[in-house]
Amino acid sequence: MTNEYIEIDLSNGEKEAILEHASFFVTDDITKADLSDKRKKWIRFEPYAISQIIGELSYVFNRCTDNYKFDLLDQLISHLENYEQNR
């Protein structure tokens, strides 16, 4: 059986934010490898993992005091939600 993936385009900063704040929801080895590869732009996620990652990033976002991180997480969460809703 093959896994179904959703490919999401992410910048290196967005990938780092996911690895920093929601890495424990990234359980798939392919997704981990994609996120760790600085040259890879399209990251493969299992569909169920996206909502878990959004939830954790939202938790961090709601407690954020750094303006740069606030803007980055806001944009990243919206980006992931868009892919989640339109799959």
PDB file of N, CA and C in Angstrom:
ATOM      1  N   MET A   1       0.846  -1.179   0.000  1.00  0.00           N
ATOM      2  CA  MET A   1       0.000   0.000   0.000  1.00  0.00           C
ATOM      3  C   MET A   1       0.889   1.240   0.000  1.00  0.00           C
ATOM      4  N   THR A   2       0.576   2.194  -0.852  1.00  0.00           N
ATOM      5  CA  THR A   2       1.343   3.440  -0.910  1.00  0.00           C
ATOM      6  C   THR A   2       0.619   4.534  -0.150  1.00  0.00           C
ATOM      7  N   ASN A   3       1.412   5.421   0.412  1.00  0.00           N
ATOM      8  CA  ASN A   3       0.841   6.552   1.137  1.00  0.00           C
ATOM      9  C   ASN A   3       0.399   7.621   0.161  1.00  0.00           C
ATOM     10  N   GLU A   4      -0.697   8.275   0.496  1.00  0.00           N
ATOM     11  CA  GLU A   4      -1.165   9.421  -0.279  1.00  0.00           C
ATOM     12  C   GLU A   4      -0.560  10.666   0.348  1.00  0.00           C
ATOM     13  N   TYR A   5       0.007  11.515  -0.475  1.00  0.00           N
ATOM     14  CA  TYR A   5       0.644  12.733   0.015  1.00  0.00           C
ATOM     15  C   TYR A   5       0.014  13.956  -0.614  1.00  0.00           C
ATOM     16  N   ILE A   6       0.078  15.045   0.135  1.00  0.00           N
ATOM     17  CA  ILE A   6      -0.263  16.361  -0.379  1.00  0.00           C
ATOM     18  C   ILE A   6       1.048  17.125  -0.464  1.00  0.00           C
ATOM     19  N   GLU A   7       1.349  17.668  -1.629  1.00  0.00           N
ATOM     20  CA  GLU A   7       2.584  18.433  -1.800  1.00  0.00           C
ATOM     21  C   GLU A   7       2.304  19.911  -1.562  1.00  0.00           C
ATOM     22  N   ILE A   8       3.103  20.506  -0.680  1.00  0.00           N
ATOM     23  CA  ILE A   8       2.925  21.909  -0.307  1.00  0.00           C
ATOM     24  C   ILE A   8       4.241  22.643  -0.533  1.00  0.00           C
ATOM     25  N   ASP A   9       4.160  23.780  -1.219  1.00  0.00           N
ATOM     26  CA  ASP A   9       5.374  24.567  -1.447  1.00  0.00           C
ATOM     27  C   ASP A   9       5.682  25.404  -0.202  1.00  0.00           C
ATOM     28  N   LEU A  10       6.904  25.252   0.296  1.00  0.00           N
ATOM     29  CA  LEU A  10       7.323  25.949   1.510  1.00  0.00           C
ATOM     30  C   LEU A  10       8.708  26.560   1.313  1.00  0.00           C
ATOM     31  N   SER A  11       8.908  27.697   1.938  1.00  0.00           N
ATOM     32  CA  SER A  11      10.237  28.321   1.944  1.00  0.00           C
ATOM     33  C   SER A  11      11.086  27.646   3.022  1.00  0.00           C
ATOM     34  N   ASN A  12      12.374  27.922   3.007  1.00  0.00           N
ATOM     35  CA  ASN A  12      13.248  27.353   4.036  1.00  0.00           C
ATOM     36  C   ASN A  12      12.860  27.831   5.434  1.00  0.00           C
ATOM     37  N   GLY A  13      12.446  29.082   5.556  1.00  0.00           N
ATOM     38  CA  GLY A  13      12.010  29.601   6.848  1.00  0.00           C
ATOM     39  C   GLY A  13      10.768  28.891   7.364  1.00  0.00           C
ATOM     40  N   GLU A  14       9.846  28.595   6.458  1.00  0.00           N
ATOM     41  CA  GLU A  14       8.629  27.881   6.845  1.00  0.00           C
ATOM     42  C   GLU A  14       8.943  26.446   7.247  1.00  0.00           C
ATOM     43  N   LYS A  15       9.837  25.814   6.504  1.00  0.00           N
ATOM     44  CA  LYS A  15      10.235  24.443   6.860  1.00  0.00           C
ATOM     45  C   LYS A  15      10.905  24.428   8.233  1.00  0.00           C
ATOM     46  N   GLU A  16      11.764  25.390   8.493  1.00  0.00           N
ATOM     47  CA  GLU A  16      12.435  25.471   9.797  1.00  0.00           C
ATOM     48  C   GLU A  16      11.426  25.686  10.923  1.00  0.00           C
ATOM     49  N   ALA A  17      10.416  26.503  10.677  1.00  0.00           N
ATOM     50  CA  ALA A  17       9.393  26.746  11.700  1.00  0.00           C
ATOM     51  C   ALA A  17       8.644  25.457  12.030  1.00  0.00           C
ATOM     52  N   ILE A  18       8.323  24.675  11.017  1.00  0.00           N
ATOM     53  CA  ILE A  18       7.639  23.399  11.263  1.00  0.00           C
ATOM     54  C   ILE A  18       8.539  22.463  12.051  1.00  0.00           C
ATOM     55  N   LEU A  19       9.803  22.365  11.658  1.00  0.00           N
ATOM     56  CA  LEU A  19      10.729  21.486  12.374  1.00  0.00           C
ATOM     57  C   LEU A  19      10.956  21.954  13.810  1.00  0.00           C
ATOM     58  N   GLU A  20      10.976  23.262  14.020  1.00  0.00           N
ATOM     59  CA  GLU A  20      11.221  23.795  15.357  1.00  0.00           C
ATOM     60  C   GLU A  20      10.014  23.627  16.274  1.00  0.00           C
ATOM     61  N   HIS A  21       8.825  23.891  15.765  1.00  0.00           N
ATOM     62  CA  HIS A  21       7.650  23.966  16.634  1.00  0.00           C
ATOM     63  C   HIS A  21       6.692  22.780  16.541  1.00  0.00           C
ATOM     64  N   ALA A  22       6.762  21.995  15.481  1.00  0.00           N
ATOM     65  CA  ALA A  22       5.780  20.911  15.319  1.00  0.00           C
ATOM     66  C   ALA A  22       6.416  19.617  14.818  1.00  0.00           C
ATOM     67  N   SER A  23       7.680  19.428  15.084  1.00  0.00           N
ATOM     68  CA  SER A  23       8.377  18.257  14.539  1.00  0.00           C
ATOM     69  C   SER A  23       7.832  16.936  15.066  1.00  0.00           C
ATOM     70  N   PHE A  24       7.254  16.930  16.269  1.00  0.00           N
ATOM     71  CA  PHE A  24       6.743  15.672  16.811  1.00  0.00           C
ATOM     72  C   PHE A  24       5.464  15.215  16.125  1.00  0.00           C
ATOM     73  N   PHE A  25       4.867  16.061  15.284  1.00  0.00           N
ATOM     74  CA  PHE A  25       3.719  15.649  14.470  1.00  0.00           C
ATOM     75  C   PHE A  25       4.145  15.204  13.077  1.00  0.00           C
ATOM     76  N   VAL A  26       5.422  15.329  12.772  1.00  0.00           N
ATOM     77  CA  VAL A  26       5.957  14.871  11.485  1.00  0.00           C
ATOM     78  C   VAL A  26       6.546  13.480  11.731  1.00  0.00           C
ATOM     79  N   THR A  27       5.736  12.454  11.493  1.00  0.00           N
ATOM     80  CA  THR A  27       6.164  11.086  11.782  1.00  0.00           C
ATOM     81  C   THR A  27       6.595  10.330  10.534  1.00  0.00           C
ATOM     82  N   ASP A  28       6.250  10.830   9.372  1.00  0.00           N
ATOM     83  CA  ASP A  28       6.583  10.160   8.125  1.00  0.00           C
ATOM     84  C   ASP A  28       8.024  10.468   7.725  1.00  0.00           C
ATOM     85  N   ASP A  29       8.785   9.434   7.393  1.00  0.00           N
ATOM     86  CA  ASP A  29      10.199   9.610   7.043  1.00  0.00           C
ATOM     87  C   ASP A  29      10.394  10.444   5.778  1.00  0.00           C
ATOM     88  N   ILE A  30       9.495  10.307   4.815  1.00  0.00           N
ATOM     89  CA  ILE A  30       9.600  11.092   3.579  1.00  0.00           C
ATOM     90  C   ILE A  30       9.409  12.574   3.874  1.00  0.00           C
ATOM     91  N   THR A  31       8.439  12.892   4.706  1.00  0.00           N
ATOM     92  CA  THR A  31       8.193  14.289   5.076  1.00  0.00           C
ATOM     93  C   THR A  31       9.381  14.852   5.851  1.00  0.00           C
ATOM     94  N   LYS A  32       9.928  14.083   6.779  1.00  0.00           N
ATOM     95  CA  LYS A  32      11.100  14.528   7.541  1.00  0.00           C
ATOM     96  C   LYS A  32      12.261  14.831   6.611  1.00  0.00           C
ATOM     97  N   ALA A  33      12.493  13.945   5.657  1.00  0.00           N
ATOM     98  CA  ALA A  33      13.593  14.148   4.710  1.00  0.00           C
ATOM     99  C   ALA A  33      13.348  15.384   3.850  1.00  0.00           C
ATOM    100  N   ASP A  34      12.114  15.565   3.390  1.00  0.00           N
ATOM    101  CA  ASP A  34      11.784  16.737   2.582  1.00  0.00           C
ATOM    102  C   ASP A  34      12.007  18.031   3.363  1.00  0.00           C
ATOM    103  N   LEU A  35      11.563  18.061   4.625  1.00  0.00           N
ATOM    104  CA  LEU A  35      11.710  19.260   5.443  1.00  0.00           C
ATOM    105  C   LEU A  35      13.172  19.570   5.748  1.00  0.00           C
ATOM    106  N   SER A  36      13.993  18.555   5.842  1.00  0.00           N
ATOM    107  CA  SER A  36      15.402  18.744   6.165  1.00  0.00           C
ATOM    108  C   SER A  36      16.247  19.143   4.958  1.00  0.00           C
ATOM    109  N   ASP A  37      15.731  18.913   3.770  1.00  0.00           N
ATOM    110  CA  ASP A  37      16.464  19.217   2.539  1.00  0.00           C
ATOM    111  C   ASP A  37      16.281  20.694   2.188  1.00  0.00           C
ATOM    112  N   LYS A  38      17.352  21.468   2.288  1.00  0.00           N
ATOM    113  CA  LYS A  38      17.283  22.916   2.029  1.00  0.00           C
ATOM    114  C   LYS A  38      16.940  23.233   0.571  1.00  0.00           C
ATOM    115  N   ARG A  39      17.207  22.304  -0.337  1.00  0.00           N
ATOM    116  CA  ARG A  39      16.961  22.554  -1.763  1.00  0.00           C
ATOM    117  C   ARG A  39      15.552  22.172  -2.202  1.00  0.00           C
ATOM    118  N   LYS A  40      14.857  21.406  -1.392  1.00  0.00           N
ATOM    119  CA  LYS A  40      13.531  20.920  -1.780  1.00  0.00           C
ATOM    120  C   LYS A  40      12.483  21.986  -1.466  1.00  0.00           C
ATOM    121  N   LYS A  41      11.649  22.311  -2.451  1.00  0.00           N
ATOM    122  CA  LYS A  41      10.609  23.328  -2.280  1.00  0.00           C
ATOM    123  C   LYS A  41       9.241  22.700  -2.014  1.00  0.00           C
ATOM    124  N   TRP A  42       8.928  21.621  -2.703  1.00  0.00           N
ATOM    125  CA  TRP A  42       7.628  20.963  -2.555  1.00  0.00           C
ATOM    126  C   TRP A  42       7.756  19.837  -1.538  1.00  0.00           C
ATOM    127  N   ILE A  43       7.077  19.997  -0.421  1.00  0.00           N
ATOM    128  CA  ILE A  43       7.188  19.064   0.695  1.00  0.00           C
ATOM    129  C   ILE A  43       5.953  18.162   0.711  1.00  0.00           C
ATOM    130  N   ARG A  44       6.186  16.858   0.838  1.00  0.00           N
ATOM    131  CA  ARG A  44       5.099  15.885   0.852  1.00  0.00           C
ATOM    132  C   ARG A  44       4.646  15.638   2.290  1.00  0.00           C
ATOM    133  N   PHE A  45       3.342  15.820   2.522  1.00  0.00           N
ATOM    134  CA  PHE A  45       2.733  15.597   3.832  1.00  0.00           C
ATOM    135  C   PHE A  45       1.618  14.572   3.707  1.00  0.00           C
ATOM    136  N   GLU A  46       1.482  13.736   4.722  1.00  0.00           N
ATOM    137  CA  GLU A  46       0.299  12.886   4.798  1.00  0.00           C
ATOM    138  C   GLU A  46      -0.859  13.794   5.204  1.00  0.00           C
ATOM    139  N   PRO A  47      -2.039  13.586   4.618  1.00  0.00           N
ATOM    140  CA  PRO A  47      -3.157  14.514   4.856  1.00  0.00           C
ATOM    141  C   PRO A  47      -3.507  14.725   6.329  1.00  0.00           C
ATOM    142  N   TYR A  48      -3.500  13.677   7.131  1.00  0.00           N
ATOM    143  CA  TYR A  48      -3.885  13.828   8.537  1.00  0.00           C
ATOM    144  C   TYR A  48      -2.867  14.666   9.327  1.00  0.00           C
ATOM    145  N   ALA A  49      -1.623  14.677   8.899  1.00  0.00           N
ATOM    146  CA  ALA A  49      -0.575  15.398   9.627  1.00  0.00           C
ATOM    147  C   ALA A  49      -0.714  16.914   9.503  1.00  0.00           C
ATOM    148  N   ILE A  50      -1.307  17.364   8.414  1.00  0.00           N
ATOM    149  CA  ILE A  50      -1.413  18.812   8.187  1.00  0.00           C
ATOM    150  C   ILE A  50      -2.225  19.484   9.286  1.00  0.00           C
ATOM    151  N   SER A  51      -3.367  18.908   9.648  1.00  0.00           N
ATOM    152  CA  SER A  51      -4.203  19.530  10.681  1.00  0.00           C
ATOM    153  C   SER A  51      -3.509  19.506  12.045  1.00  0.00           C
ATOM    154  N   GLN A  52      -2.740  18.461  12.317  1.00  0.00           N
ATOM    155  CA  GLN A  52      -2.000  18.405  13.581  1.00  0.00           C
ATOM    156  C   GLN A  52      -0.913  19.475  13.620  1.00  0.00           C
ATOM    157  N   ILE A  53      -0.236  19.671  12.511  1.00  0.00           N
ATOM    158  CA  ILE A  53       0.815  20.684  12.428  1.00  0.00           C
ATOM    159  C   ILE A  53       0.200  22.080  12.557  1.00  0.00           C
ATOM    160  N   ILE A  54      -0.926  22.302  11.894  1.00  0.00           N
ATOM    161  CA  ILE A  54      -1.616  23.596  12.001  1.00  0.00           C
ATOM    162  C   ILE A  54      -1.993  23.870  13.450  1.00  0.00           C
ATOM    163  N   GLY A  55      -2.499  22.871  14.131  1.00  0.00           N
ATOM    164  CA  GLY A  55      -2.894  23.029  15.532  1.00  0.00           C
ATOM    165  C   GLY A  55      -1.730  23.429  16.419  1.00  0.00           C
ATOM    166  N   GLU A  56      -0.609  22.765  16.249  1.00  0.00           N
ATOM    167  CA  GLU A  56       0.559  23.078  17.072  1.00  0.00           C
ATOM    168  C   GLU A  56       1.130  24.451  16.735  1.00  0.00           C
ATOM    169  N   LEU A  57       1.195  24.783  15.446  1.00  0.00           N
ATOM    170  CA  LEU A  57       1.683  26.105  15.054  1.00  0.00           C
ATOM    171  C   LEU A  57       0.753  27.197  15.568  1.00  0.00           C
ATOM    172  N   SER A  58      -0.552  26.939  15.598  1.00  0.00           N
ATOM    173  CA  SER A  58      -1.517  27.905  16.133  1.00  0.00           C
ATOM    174  C   SER A  58      -1.300  28.121  17.622  1.00  0.00           C
ATOM    175  N   TYR A  59      -0.984  27.054  18.329  1.00  0.00           N
ATOM    176  CA  TYR A  59      -0.690  27.159  19.766  1.00  0.00           C
ATOM    177  C   TYR A  59       0.504  28.088  19.986  1.00  0.00           C
ATOM    178  N   VAL A  60       1.565  27.880  19.220  1.00  0.00           N
ATOM    179  CA  VAL A  60       2.767  28.713  19.331  1.00  0.00           C
ATOM    180  C   VAL A  60       2.448  30.145  18.906  1.00  0.00           C
ATOM    181  N   PHE A  61       1.693  30.299  17.823  1.00  0.00           N
ATOM    182  CA  PHE A  61       1.314  31.615  17.304  1.00  0.00           C
ATOM    183  C   PHE A  61       0.564  32.436  18.356  1.00  0.00           C
ATOM    184  N   ASN A  62      -0.365  31.803  19.057  1.00  0.00           N
ATOM    185  CA  ASN A  62      -1.174  32.510  20.051  1.00  0.00           C
ATOM    186  C   ASN A  62      -0.377  32.968  21.264  1.00  0.00           C
ATOM    187  N   ARG A  63       0.814  32.431  21.451  1.00  0.00           N
ATOM    188  CA  ARG A  63       1.654  32.792  22.585  1.00  0.00           C
ATOM    189  C   ARG A  63       2.916  33.558  22.165  1.00  0.00           C
ATOM    190  N   CYS A  64       2.961  33.948  20.915  1.00  0.00           N
ATOM    191  CA  CYS A  64       4.145  34.562  20.328  1.00  0.00           C
ATOM    192  C   CYS A  64       4.243  36.044  20.688  1.00  0.00           C
ATOM    193  N   THR A  65       5.458  36.484  21.025  1.00  0.00           N
ATOM    194  CA  THR A  65       5.683  37.904  21.308  1.00  0.00           C
ATOM    195  C   THR A  65       6.654  38.536  20.315  1.00  0.00           C
ATOM    196  N   ASP A  66       7.272  37.749  19.478  1.00  0.00           N
ATOM    197  CA  ASP A  66       8.221  38.219  18.463  1.00  0.00           C
ATOM    198  C   ASP A  66       7.456  38.559  17.182  1.00  0.00           C
ATOM    199  N   ASN A  67       7.576  39.795  16.700  1.00  0.00           N
ATOM    200  CA  ASN A  67       6.822  40.226  15.521  1.00  0.00           C
ATOM    201  C   ASN A  67       7.162  39.421  14.275  1.00  0.00           C
ATOM    202  N   TYR A  68       8.446  39.121  14.059  1.00  0.00           N
ATOM    203  CA  TYR A  68       8.844  38.350  12.877  1.00  0.00           C
ATOM    204  C   TYR A  68       8.233  36.950  12.919  1.00  0.00           C
ATOM    205  N   LYS A  69       8.356  36.281  14.060  1.00  0.00           N
ATOM    206  CA  LYS A  69       7.799  34.930  14.202  1.00  0.00           C
ATOM    207  C   LYS A  69       6.277  34.969  14.072  1.00  0.00           C
ATOM    208  N   PHE A  70       5.666  36.013  14.630  1.00  0.00           N
ATOM    209  CA  PHE A  70       4.218  36.188  14.546  1.00  0.00           C
ATOM    210  C   PHE A  70       3.767  36.221  13.084  1.00  0.00           C
ATOM    211  N   ASP A  71       4.428  37.053  12.281  1.00  0.00           N
ATOM    212  CA  ASP A  71       4.071  37.173  10.864  1.00  0.00           C
ATOM    213  C   ASP A  71       4.347  35.886  10.096  1.00  0.00           C
ATOM    214  N   LEU A  72       5.488  35.254  10.367  1.00  0.00           N
ATOM    215  CA  LEU A  72       5.838  34.007   9.695  1.00  0.00           C
ATOM    216  C   LEU A  72       4.821  32.914   9.998  1.00  0.00           C
ATOM    217  N   LEU A  73       4.484  32.746  11.266  1.00  0.00           N
ATOM    218  CA  LEU A  73       3.526  31.705  11.647  1.00  0.00           C
ATOM    219  C   LEU A  73       2.134  31.999  11.112  1.00  0.00           C
ATOM    220  N   ASP A  74       1.732  33.263  11.128  1.00  0.00           N
ATOM    221  CA  ASP A  74       0.424  33.645  10.594  1.00  0.00           C
ATOM    222  C   ASP A  74       0.318  33.266   9.120  1.00  0.00           C
ATOM    223  N   GLN A  75       1.331  33.602   8.357  1.00  0.00           N
ATOM    224  CA  GLN A  75       1.344  33.294   6.929  1.00  0.00           C
ATOM    225  C   GLN A  75       1.403  31.779   6.701  1.00  0.00           C
ATOM    226  N   LEU A  76       2.235  31.085   7.461  1.00  0.00           N
ATOM    227  CA  LEU A  76       2.392  29.637   7.302  1.00  0.00           C
ATOM    228  C   LEU A  76       1.100  28.892   7.650  1.00  0.00           C
ATOM    229  N   ILE A  77       0.462  29.275   8.725  1.00  0.00           N
ATOM    230  CA  ILE A  77      -0.797  28.631   9.122  1.00  0.00           C
ATOM    231  C   ILE A  77      -1.851  28.833   8.039  1.00  0.00           C
ATOM    232  N   SER A  78      -1.980  30.044   7.529  1.00  0.00           N
ATOM    233  CA  SER A  78      -2.954  30.315   6.458  1.00  0.00           C
ATOM    234  C   SER A  78      -2.635  29.505   5.207  1.00  0.00           C
ATOM    235  N   HIS A  79      -1.363  29.403   4.881  1.00  0.00           N
ATOM    236  CA  HIS A  79      -0.916  28.641   3.712  1.00  0.00           C
ATOM    237  C   HIS A  79      -1.278  27.160   3.858  1.00  0.00           C
ATOM    238  N   LEU A  80      -0.996  26.588   5.025  1.00  0.00           N
ATOM    239  CA  LEU A  80      -1.315  25.185   5.268  1.00  0.00           C
ATOM    240  C   LEU A  80      -2.824  24.950   5.279  1.00  0.00           C
ATOM    241  N   GLU A  81      -3.575  25.872   5.876  1.00  0.00           N
ATOM    242  CA  GLU A  81      -5.035  25.738   5.901  1.00  0.00           C
ATOM    243  C   GLU A  81      -5.609  25.755   4.490  1.00  0.00           C
ATOM    244  N   ASN A  82      -5.045  26.574   3.630  1.00  0.00           N
ATOM    245  CA  ASN A  82      -5.508  26.632   2.240  1.00  0.00           C
ATOM    246  C   ASN A  82      -5.330  25.281   1.552  1.00  0.00           C
ATOM    247  N   TYR A  83      -4.169  24.664   1.737  1.00  0.00           N
ATOM    248  CA  TYR A  83      -3.927  23.346   1.136  1.00  0.00           C
ATOM    249  C   TYR A  83      -4.822  22.288   1.765  1.00  0.00           C
ATOM    250  N   GLU A  84      -5.055  22.389   3.060  1.00  0.00           N
ATOM    251  CA  GLU A  84      -5.888  21.417   3.760  1.00  0.00           C
ATOM    252  C   GLU A  84      -7.336  21.473   3.241  1.00  0.00           C
ATOM    253  N   GLN A  85      -7.850  22.676   3.029  1.00  0.00           N
ATOM    254  CA  GLN A  85      -9.239  22.842   2.584  1.00  0.00           C
ATOM    255  C   GLN A  85      -9.435  22.508   1.122  1.00  0.00           C
ATOM    256  N   ASN A  86      -8.392  22.685   0.299  1.00  0.00           N
ATOM    257  CA  ASN A  86      -8.535  22.486  -1.142  1.00  0.00           C
ATOM    258  C   ASN A  86      -7.941  21.184  -1.649  1.00  0.00           C
ATOM    259  N   ARG A  87      -7.782  20.218  -0.792  1.00  0.00           N
ATOM    260  CA  ARG A  87      -7.216  18.933  -1.270  1.00  0.00           C
ATOM    261  C   ARG A  87      -8.240  18.053  -1.895  1.00  0.00           C
TER     262      ARG A  87
END
